[in-house]
Amino acid sequence: TRTKEAMAEVSGVNLDEEAGRLIQYQQAYQASAQVI
């Protein structure tokens, strides 16, 4: 269990983190479009 948890820390998908990145990349995409 501890080994799987350690592996999950490295390889697991964290939805909260991915949601934050999604917003981050969305804003970056919109900003790049504004540059164009």
PDB file of all heavy atoms in Angstrom:
ATOM      1  N   THR A   1       0.833  -1.212   0.000  1.00  0.00           N
ATOM      2  CA  THR A   1       0.000   0.000   0.000  1.00  0.00           C
ATOM      3  C   THR A   1       0.861   1.253   0.000  1.00  0.00           C
ATOM      4  O   THR A   1       0.605   2.214  -0.748  1.00  0.00           O
ATOM      5  CB  THR A   1      -0.939   0.001   1.211  1.00  0.00           C
ATOM      6  OG1 THR A   1      -1.818  -1.126   1.136  1.00  0.00           O
ATOM      7  CG2 THR A   1      -1.761   1.277   1.260  1.00  0.00           C
ATOM      8  N   ARG A   2       1.890   1.255   0.836  1.00  0.00           N
ATOM      9  CA  ARG A   2       2.787   2.422   0.883  1.00  0.00           C
ATOM     10  C   ARG A   2       3.515   2.613  -0.441  1.00  0.00           C
ATOM     11  O   ARG A   2       3.711   3.750  -0.909  1.00  0.00           O
ATOM     12  CB  ARG A   2       3.787   2.264   2.028  1.00  0.00           C
ATOM     13  CG  ARG A   2       3.168   2.382   3.412  1.00  0.00           C
ATOM     14  CD  ARG A   2       4.227   2.581   4.471  1.00  0.00           C
ATOM     15  NE  ARG A   2       5.110   1.429   4.586  1.00  0.00           N
ATOM     16  CZ  ARG A   2       4.895   0.395   5.378  1.00  0.00           C
ATOM     17  NH1 ARG A   2       3.796   0.357   6.130  1.00  0.00           N
ATOM     18  NH2 ARG A   2       5.751  -0.603   5.447  1.00  0.00           N
ATOM     19  N   THR A   3       3.906   1.504  -1.055  1.00  0.00           N
ATOM     20  CA  THR A   3       4.605   1.604  -2.343  1.00  0.00           C
ATOM     21  C   THR A   3       3.673   2.133  -3.422  1.00  0.00           C
ATOM     22  O   THR A   3       4.061   2.971  -4.249  1.00  0.00           O
ATOM     23  CB  THR A   3       5.154   0.226  -2.756  1.00  0.00           C
ATOM     24  OG1 THR A   3       5.940  -0.323  -1.701  1.00  0.00           O
ATOM     25  CG2 THR A   3       6.023   0.341  -3.990  1.00  0.00           C
ATOM     26  N   LYS A   4       2.428   1.648  -3.415  1.00  0.00           N
ATOM     27  CA  LYS A   4       1.457   2.149  -4.392  1.00  0.00           C
ATOM     28  C   LYS A   4       1.168   3.626  -4.168  1.00  0.00           C
ATOM     29  O   LYS A   4       1.004   4.390  -5.127  1.00  0.00           O
ATOM     30  CB  LYS A   4       0.163   1.336  -4.297  1.00  0.00           C
ATOM     31  CG  LYS A   4       0.266  -0.068  -4.877  1.00  0.00           C
ATOM     32  CD  LYS A   4      -1.071  -0.791  -4.804  1.00  0.00           C
ATOM     33  CE  LYS A   4      -0.993  -2.151  -5.484  1.00  0.00           C
ATOM     34  NZ  LYS A   4      -2.284  -2.883  -5.419  1.00  0.00           N
ATOM     35  N   GLU A   5       1.101   4.028  -2.909  1.00  0.00           N
ATOM     36  CA  GLU A   5       0.873   5.446  -2.607  1.00  0.00           C
ATOM     37  C   GLU A   5       2.040   6.294  -3.100  1.00  0.00           C
ATOM     38  O   GLU A   5       1.846   7.397  -3.630  1.00  0.00           O
ATOM     39  CB  GLU A   5       0.672   5.633  -1.105  1.00  0.00           C
ATOM     40  CG  GLU A   5      -0.654   5.078  -0.593  1.00  0.00           C
ATOM     41  CD  GLU A   5      -0.754   5.120   0.916  1.00  0.00           C
ATOM     42  OE1 GLU A   5       0.279   5.405   1.568  1.00  0.00           O
ATOM     43  OE2 GLU A   5      -1.851   4.868   1.452  1.00  0.00           O
ATOM     44  N   ALA A   6       3.262   5.769  -2.912  1.00  0.00           N
ATOM     45  CA  ALA A   6       4.434   6.503  -3.401  1.00  0.00           C
ATOM     46  C   ALA A   6       4.400   6.614  -4.921  1.00  0.00           C
ATOM     47  O   ALA A   6       4.752   7.661  -5.496  1.00  0.00           O
ATOM     48  CB  ALA A   6       5.720   5.799  -2.950  1.00  0.00           C
ATOM     49  N   MET A   7       3.958   5.522  -5.579  1.00  0.00           N
ATOM     50  CA  MET A   7       3.856   5.552  -7.038  1.00  0.00           C
ATOM     51  C   MET A   7       2.758   6.507  -7.475  1.00  0.00           C
ATOM     52  O   MET A   7       2.907   7.244  -8.474  1.00  0.00           O
ATOM     53  CB  MET A   7       3.580   4.141  -7.564  1.00  0.00           C
ATOM     54  CG  MET A   7       3.778   4.004  -9.060  1.00  0.00           C
ATOM     55  SD  MET A   7       5.520   4.245  -9.518  1.00  0.00           S
ATOM     56  CE  MET A   7       5.397   4.190 -11.304  1.00  0.00           C
ATOM     57  N   ALA A   8       1.654   6.534  -6.715  1.00  0.00           N
ATOM     58  CA  ALA A   8       0.555   7.439  -7.051  1.00  0.00           C
ATOM     59  C   ALA A   8       0.972   8.897  -6.910  1.00  0.00           C
ATOM     60  O   ALA A   8       0.498   9.767  -7.654  1.00  0.00           O
ATOM     61  CB  ALA A   8      -0.653   7.141  -6.165  1.00  0.00           C
ATOM     62  N   GLU A   9       1.858   9.176  -5.942  1.00  0.00           N
ATOM     63  CA  GLU A   9       2.356  10.536  -5.782  1.00  0.00           C
ATOM     64  C   GLU A   9       3.081  10.999  -7.034  1.00  0.00           C
ATOM     65  O   GLU A   9       3.047  12.172  -7.400  1.00  0.00           O
ATOM     66  CB  GLU A   9       3.300  10.614  -4.577  1.00  0.00           C
ATOM     67  CG  GLU A   9       2.616  10.529  -3.226  1.00  0.00           C
ATOM     68  CD  GLU A   9       1.829  11.789  -2.918  1.00  0.00           C
ATOM     69  OE1 GLU A   9       2.249  12.876  -3.363  1.00  0.00           O
ATOM     70  OE2 GLU A   9       0.785  11.685  -2.246  1.00  0.00           O
ATOM     71  N   VAL A  10       3.727  10.031  -7.683  1.00  0.00           N
ATOM     72  CA  VAL A  10       4.493  10.373  -8.885  1.00  0.00           C
ATOM     73  C   VAL A  10       3.618  10.314 -10.131  1.00  0.00           C
ATOM     74  O   VAL A  10       3.622  11.230 -10.958  1.00  0.00           O
ATOM     75  CB  VAL A  10       5.698   9.412  -9.042  1.00  0.00           C
ATOM     76  CG1 VAL A  10       6.432   9.692 -10.353  1.00  0.00           C
ATOM     77  CG2 VAL A  10       6.635   9.525  -7.857  1.00  0.00           C
ATOM     78  N   SER A  11       2.848   9.233 -10.261  1.00  0.00           N
ATOM     79  CA  SER A  11       2.165   8.958 -11.525  1.00  0.00           C
ATOM     80  C   SER A  11       0.668   9.212 -11.502  1.00  0.00           C
ATOM     81  O   SER A  11       0.039   9.236 -12.560  1.00  0.00           O
ATOM     82  CB  SER A  11       2.403   7.490 -11.926  1.00  0.00           C
ATOM     83  OG  SER A  11       3.774   7.230 -12.081  1.00  0.00           O
ATOM     84  N   GLY A  12       0.081   9.349 -10.334  1.00  0.00           N
ATOM     85  CA  GLY A  12      -1.366   9.474 -10.251  1.00  0.00           C
ATOM     86  C   GLY A  12      -1.880  10.806 -10.755  1.00  0.00           C
ATOM     87  O   GLY A  12      -1.186  11.829 -10.719  1.00  0.00           O
ATOM     88  N   VAL A  13      -3.122  10.811 -11.244  1.00  0.00           N
ATOM     89  CA  VAL A  13      -3.775  12.025 -11.737  1.00  0.00           C
ATOM     90  C   VAL A  13      -4.545  12.663 -10.591  1.00  0.00           C
ATOM     91  O   VAL A  13      -5.402  12.028  -9.973  1.00  0.00           O
ATOM     92  CB  VAL A  13      -4.731  11.699 -12.891  1.00  0.00           C
ATOM     93  CG1 VAL A  13      -5.486  12.948 -13.326  1.00  0.00           C
ATOM     94  CG2 VAL A  13      -3.968  11.095 -14.065  1.00  0.00           C
ATOM     95  N   ASN A  14      -4.223  13.940 -10.307  1.00  0.00           N
ATOM     96  CA  ASN A  14      -4.935  14.713  -9.293  1.00  0.00           C
ATOM     97  C   ASN A  14      -5.888  15.662 -10.023  1.00  0.00           C
ATOM     98  O   ASN A  14      -5.466  16.589 -10.714  1.00  0.00           O
ATOM     99  CB  ASN A  14      -3.933  15.495  -8.439  1.00  0.00           C
ATOM    100  CG  ASN A  14      -4.591  16.215  -7.284  1.00  0.00           C
ATOM    101  OD1 ASN A  14      -5.565  16.947  -7.475  1.00  0.00           O
ATOM    102  ND2 ASN A  14      -4.047  16.031  -6.092  1.00  0.00           N
ATOM    103  N   LEU A  15      -7.196  15.412  -9.876  1.00  0.00           N
ATOM    104  CA  LEU A  15      -8.177  16.198 -10.626  1.00  0.00           C
ATOM    105  C   LEU A  15      -8.126  17.678 -10.269  1.00  0.00           C
ATOM    106  O   LEU A  15      -8.323  18.546 -11.138  1.00  0.00           O
ATOM    107  CB  LEU A  15      -9.580  15.631 -10.383  1.00  0.00           C
ATOM    108  CG  LEU A  15      -9.868  14.272 -11.039  1.00  0.00           C
ATOM    109  CD1 LEU A  15     -11.270  13.801 -10.685  1.00  0.00           C
ATOM    110  CD2 LEU A  15      -9.708  14.357 -12.554  1.00  0.00           C
ATOM    111  N   ASP A  16      -7.883  17.982  -9.003  1.00  0.00           N
ATOM    112  CA  ASP A  16      -7.789  19.394  -8.614  1.00  0.00           C
ATOM    113  C   ASP A  16      -6.621  20.067  -9.324  1.00  0.00           C
ATOM    114  O   ASP A  16      -6.732  21.200  -9.829  1.00  0.00           O
ATOM    115  CB  ASP A  16      -7.622  19.507  -7.100  1.00  0.00           C
ATOM    116  CG  ASP A  16      -8.872  19.091  -6.347  1.00  0.00           C
ATOM    117  OD1 ASP A  16      -9.967  19.140  -6.950  1.00  0.00           O
ATOM    118  OD2 ASP A  16      -8.755  18.708  -5.161  1.00  0.00           O
ATOM    119  N   GLU A  17      -5.497  19.367  -9.346  1.00  0.00           N
ATOM    120  CA  GLU A  17      -4.314  19.925 -10.008  1.00  0.00           C
ATOM    121  C   GLU A  17      -4.556  20.079 -11.504  1.00  0.00           C
ATOM    122  O   GLU A  17      -4.198  21.108 -12.113  1.00  0.00           O
ATOM    123  CB  GLU A  17      -3.121  19.012  -9.758  1.00  0.00           C
ATOM    124  CG  GLU A  17      -1.828  19.499 -10.401  1.00  0.00           C
ATOM    125  CD  GLU A  17      -0.664  18.559 -10.148  1.00  0.00           C
ATOM    126  OE1 GLU A  17      -0.760  17.735  -9.205  1.00  0.00           O
ATOM    127  OE2 GLU A  17       0.319  18.642 -10.900  1.00  0.00           O
ATOM    128  N   GLU A  18      -5.178  19.064 -12.118  1.00  0.00           N
ATOM    129  CA  GLU A  18      -5.427  19.136 -13.554  1.00  0.00           C
ATOM    130  C   GLU A  18      -6.433  20.237 -13.882  1.00  0.00           C
ATOM    131  O   GLU A  18      -6.324  20.921 -14.914  1.00  0.00           O
ATOM    132  CB  GLU A  18      -5.928  17.782 -14.061  1.00  0.00           C
ATOM    133  CG  GLU A  18      -4.940  16.639 -13.905  1.00  0.00           C
ATOM    134  CD  GLU A  18      -3.628  16.889 -14.610  1.00  0.00           C
ATOM    135  OE1 GLU A  18      -3.641  17.457 -15.723  1.00  0.00           O
ATOM    136  OE2 GLU A  18      -2.563  16.526 -14.042  1.00  0.00           O
ATOM    137  N   ALA A  19      -7.421  20.420 -13.000  1.00  0.00           N
ATOM    138  CA  ALA A  19      -8.390  21.501 -13.221  1.00  0.00           C
ATOM    139  C   ALA A  19      -7.703  22.857 -13.182  1.00  0.00           C
ATOM    140  O   ALA A  19      -7.998  23.768 -13.988  1.00  0.00           O
ATOM    141  CB  ALA A  19      -9.501  21.426 -12.168  1.00  0.00           C
ATOM    142  N   GLY A  20      -6.768  23.015 -12.255  1.00  0.00           N
ATOM    143  CA  GLY A  20      -6.003  24.262 -12.179  1.00  0.00           C
ATOM    144  C   GLY A  20      -5.184  24.492 -13.429  1.00  0.00           C
ATOM    145  O   GLY A  20      -5.121  25.620 -13.957  1.00  0.00           O
ATOM    146  N   ARG A  21      -4.549  23.433 -13.921  1.00  0.00           N
ATOM    147  CA  ARG A  21      -3.746  23.564 -15.143  1.00  0.00           C
ATOM    148  C   ARG A  21      -4.656  23.874 -16.346  1.00  0.00           C
ATOM    149  O   ARG A  21      -4.270  24.606 -17.266  1.00  0.00           O
ATOM    150  CB  ARG A  21      -2.957  22.289 -15.387  1.00  0.00           C
ATOM    151  CG  ARG A  21      -1.814  22.080 -14.407  1.00  0.00           C
ATOM    152  CD  ARG A  21      -1.013  20.820 -14.751  1.00  0.00           C
ATOM    153  NE  ARG A  21       0.059  20.601 -13.797  1.00  0.00           N
ATOM    154  CZ  ARG A  21       1.257  21.156 -13.865  1.00  0.00           C
ATOM    155  NH1 ARG A  21       1.524  22.006 -14.863  1.00  0.00           N
ATOM    156  NH2 ARG A  21       2.183  20.911 -12.960  1.00  0.00           N
ATOM    157  N   LEU A  22      -5.836  23.252 -16.339  1.00  0.00           N
ATOM    158  CA  LEU A  22      -6.756  23.486 -17.448  1.00  0.00           C
ATOM    159  C   LEU A  22      -7.096  24.970 -17.548  1.00  0.00           C
ATOM    160  O   LEU A  22      -7.100  25.566 -18.652  1.00  0.00           O
ATOM    161  CB  LEU A  22      -8.025  22.657 -17.234  1.00  0.00           C
ATOM    162  CG  LEU A  22      -8.944  22.468 -18.448  1.00  0.00           C
ATOM    163  CD1 LEU A  22      -8.236  21.693 -19.544  1.00  0.00           C
ATOM    164  CD2 LEU A  22     -10.212  21.732 -18.024  1.00  0.00           C
ATOM    165  N   ILE A  23      -7.394  25.583 -16.411  1.00  0.00           N
ATOM    166  CA  ILE A  23      -7.682  27.030 -16.394  1.00  0.00           C
ATOM    167  C   ILE A  23      -6.454  27.825 -16.813  1.00  0.00           C
ATOM    168  O   ILE A  23      -6.528  28.796 -17.583  1.00  0.00           O
ATOM    169  CB  ILE A  23      -8.163  27.450 -14.995  1.00  0.00           C
ATOM    170  CG1 ILE A  23      -9.507  26.779 -14.668  1.00  0.00           C
ATOM    171  CG2 ILE A  23      -8.271  28.964 -14.890  1.00  0.00           C
ATOM    172  CD1 ILE A  23      -9.962  26.997 -13.238  1.00  0.00           C
ATOM    173  N   GLN A  24      -5.294  27.381 -16.301  1.00  0.00           N
ATOM    174  CA  GLN A  24      -4.038  28.079 -16.625  1.00  0.00           C
ATOM    175  C   GLN A  24      -3.781  28.055 -18.130  1.00  0.00           C
ATOM    176  O   GLN A  24      -3.476  29.099 -18.742  1.00  0.00           O
ATOM    177  CB  GLN A  24      -2.885  27.404 -15.885  1.00  0.00           C
ATOM    178  CG  GLN A  24      -1.510  27.941 -16.269  1.00  0.00           C
ATOM    179  CD  GLN A  24      -0.382  27.093 -15.673  1.00  0.00           C
ATOM    180  OE1 GLN A  24      -0.630  26.248 -14.827  1.00  0.00           O
ATOM    181  NE2 GLN A  24       0.821  27.340 -16.129  1.00  0.00           N
ATOM    182  N   TYR A  25      -3.935  26.885 -18.745  1.00  0.00           N
ATOM    183  CA  TYR A  25      -3.662  26.770 -20.174  1.00  0.00           C
ATOM    184  C   TYR A  25      -4.751  27.460 -21.001  1.00  0.00           C
ATOM    185  O   TYR A  25      -4.491  27.993 -22.094  1.00  0.00           O
ATOM    186  CB  TYR A  25      -3.536  25.303 -20.576  1.00  0.00           C
ATOM    187  CG  TYR A  25      -2.343  24.603 -19.951  1.00  0.00           C
ATOM    188  CD1 TYR A  25      -2.424  23.286 -19.526  1.00  0.00           C
ATOM    189  CD2 TYR A  25      -1.128  25.269 -19.790  1.00  0.00           C
ATOM    190  CE1 TYR A  25      -1.333  22.636 -18.957  1.00  0.00           C
ATOM    191  CE2 TYR A  25      -0.028  24.638 -19.222  1.00  0.00           C
ATOM    192  CZ  TYR A  25      -0.140  23.317 -18.799  1.00  0.00           C
ATOM    193  OH  TYR A  25       0.943  22.687 -18.242  1.00  0.00           O
ATOM    194  N   GLN A  26      -5.980  27.431 -20.477  1.00  0.00           N
ATOM    195  CA  GLN A  26      -7.051  28.139 -21.181  1.00  0.00           C
ATOM    196  C   GLN A  26      -6.756  29.636 -21.256  1.00  0.00           C
ATOM    197  O   GLN A  26      -6.902  30.271 -22.318  1.00  0.00           O
ATOM    198  CB  GLN A  26      -8.383  27.895 -20.471  1.00  0.00           C
ATOM    199  CG  GLN A  26      -9.562  28.616 -21.112  1.00  0.00           C
ATOM    200  CD  GLN A  26     -10.827  28.530 -20.277  1.00  0.00           C
ATOM    201  OE1 GLN A  26     -10.759  28.140 -19.113  1.00  0.00           O
ATOM    202  NE2 GLN A  26     -11.952  28.895 -20.854  1.00  0.00           N
ATOM    203  N   GLN A  27      -6.332  30.177 -20.126  1.00  0.00           N
ATOM    204  CA  GLN A  27      -6.009  31.600 -20.098  1.00  0.00           C
ATOM    205  C   GLN A  27      -4.814  31.910 -20.992  1.00  0.00           C
ATOM    206  O   GLN A  27      -4.787  32.948 -21.687  1.00  0.00           O
ATOM    207  CB  GLN A  27      -5.735  32.036 -18.656  1.00  0.00           C
ATOM    208  CG  GLN A  27      -6.965  31.991 -17.765  1.00  0.00           C
ATOM    209  CD  GLN A  27      -6.648  32.271 -16.314  1.00  0.00           C
ATOM    210  OE1 GLN A  27      -5.474  32.218 -15.900  1.00  0.00           O
ATOM    211  NE2 GLN A  27      -7.679  32.578 -15.517  1.00  0.00           N
ATOM    212  N   ALA A  28      -3.830  31.010 -20.967  1.00  0.00           N
ATOM    213  CA  ALA A  28      -2.663  31.222 -21.828  1.00  0.00           C
ATOM    214  C   ALA A  28      -3.067  31.174 -23.296  1.00  0.00           C
ATOM    215  O   ALA A  28      -2.552  31.952 -24.131  1.00  0.00           O
ATOM    216  CB  ALA A  28      -1.603  30.166 -21.523  1.00  0.00           C
ATOM    217  N   TYR A  29      -3.985  30.235 -23.608  1.00  0.00           N
ATOM    218  CA  TYR A  29      -4.443  30.121 -24.997  1.00  0.00           C
ATOM    219  C   TYR A  29      -5.164  31.400 -25.424  1.00  0.00           C
ATOM    220  O   TYR A  29      -4.932  31.930 -26.524  1.00  0.00           O
ATOM    221  CB  TYR A  29      -5.367  28.911 -25.121  1.00  0.00           C
ATOM    222  CG  TYR A  29      -5.770  28.596 -26.539  1.00  0.00           C
ATOM    223  CD1 TYR A  29      -4.989  27.771 -27.338  1.00  0.00           C
ATOM    224  CD2 TYR A  29      -6.941  29.126 -27.084  1.00  0.00           C
ATOM    225  CE1 TYR A  29      -5.359  27.478 -28.635  1.00  0.00           C
ATOM    226  CE2 TYR A  29      -7.317  28.842 -28.388  1.00  0.00           C
ATOM    227  CZ  TYR A  29      -6.517  28.002 -29.161  1.00  0.00           C
ATOM    228  OH  TYR A  29      -6.883  27.725 -30.462  1.00  0.00           O
ATOM    229  N   GLN A  30      -6.037  31.877 -24.549  1.00  0.00           N
ATOM    230  CA  GLN A  30      -6.762  33.110 -24.859  1.00  0.00           C
ATOM    231  C   GLN A  30      -5.808  34.294 -25.001  1.00  0.00           C
ATOM    232  O   GLN A  30      -5.979  35.162 -25.886  1.00  0.00           O
ATOM    233  CB  GLN A  30      -7.798  33.384 -23.764  1.00  0.00           C
ATOM    234  CG  GLN A  30      -8.939  32.378 -23.740  1.00  0.00           C
ATOM    235  CD  GLN A  30      -9.851  32.548 -22.531  1.00  0.00           C
ATOM    236  OE1 GLN A  30      -9.449  33.150 -21.525  1.00  0.00           O
ATOM    237  NE2 GLN A  30     -11.064  32.001 -22.612  1.00  0.00           N
ATOM    238  N   ALA A  31      -4.779  34.321 -24.151  1.00  0.00           N
ATOM    239  CA  ALA A  31      -3.800  35.414 -24.232  1.00  0.00           C
ATOM    240  C   ALA A  31      -3.028  35.353 -25.539  1.00  0.00           C
ATOM    241  O   ALA A  31      -2.749  36.390 -26.181  1.00  0.00           O
ATOM    242  CB  ALA A  31      -2.859  35.336 -23.034  1.00  0.00           C
ATOM    243  N   SER A  32      -2.662  34.130 -25.970  1.00  0.00           N
ATOM    244  CA  SER A  32      -1.946  33.990 -27.245  1.00  0.00           C
ATOM    245  C   SER A  32      -2.826  34.426 -28.407  1.00  0.00           C
ATOM    246  O   SER A  32      -2.356  35.057 -29.376  1.00  0.00           O
ATOM    247  CB  SER A  32      -1.506  32.537 -27.426  1.00  0.00           C
ATOM    248  OG  SER A  32      -0.554  32.169 -26.456  1.00  0.00           O
ATOM    249  N   ALA A  33      -4.108  34.089 -28.301  1.00  0.00           N
ATOM    250  CA  ALA A  33      -5.030  34.531 -29.351  1.00  0.00           C
ATOM    251  C   ALA A  33      -5.109  36.057 -29.385  1.00  0.00           C
ATOM    252  O   ALA A  33      -5.204  36.676 -30.462  1.00  0.00           O
ATOM    253  CB  ALA A  33      -6.418  33.926 -29.112  1.00  0.00           C
ATOM    254  N   GLN A  34      -5.069  36.678 -28.196  1.00  0.00           N
ATOM    255  CA  GLN A  34      -5.097  38.142 -28.119  1.00  0.00           C
ATOM    256  C   GLN A  34      -3.840  38.728 -28.748  1.00  0.00           C
ATOM    257  O   GLN A  34      -3.892  39.785 -29.408  1.00  0.00           O
ATOM    258  CB  GLN A  34      -5.230  38.580 -26.658  1.00  0.00           C
ATOM    259  CG  GLN A  34      -5.425  40.071 -26.477  1.00  0.00           C
ATOM    260  CD  GLN A  34      -6.747  40.556 -27.085  1.00  0.00           C
ATOM    261  OE1 GLN A  34      -7.740  39.836 -27.091  1.00  0.00           O
ATOM    262  NE2 GLN A  34      -6.744  41.765 -27.659  1.00  0.00           N
ATOM    263  N   VAL A  35      -2.710  38.068 -28.562  1.00  0.00           N
ATOM    264  CA  VAL A  35      -1.459  38.518 -29.185  1.00  0.00           C
ATOM    265  C   VAL A  35      -1.619  38.531 -30.700  1.00  0.00           C
ATOM    266  O   VAL A  35      -1.202  39.476 -31.401  1.00  0.00           O
ATOM    267  CB  VAL A  35      -0.286  37.623 -28.752  1.00  0.00           C
ATOM    268  CG1 VAL A  35       0.959  37.922 -29.594  1.00  0.00           C
ATOM    269  CG2 VAL A  35       0.018  37.815 -27.285  1.00  0.00           C
ATOM    270  N   ILE A  36      -2.217  37.469 -31.224  1.00  0.00           N
ATOM    271  CA  ILE A  36      -2.424  37.394 -32.678  1.00  0.00           C
ATOM    272  C   ILE A  36      -3.365  38.512 -33.126  1.00  0.00           C
ATOM    273  O   ILE A  36      -3.165  39.164 -34.175  1.00  0.00           O
ATOM    274  CB  ILE A  36      -2.997  36.019 -33.064  1.00  0.00           C
ATOM    275  CG1 ILE A  36      -1.971  34.925 -32.761  1.00  0.00           C
ATOM    276  CG2 ILE A  36      -3.395  35.992 -34.539  1.00  0.00           C
ATOM    277  CD1 ILE A  36      -2.481  33.533 -32.998  1.00  0.00           C
TER     278      ILE A  36
END
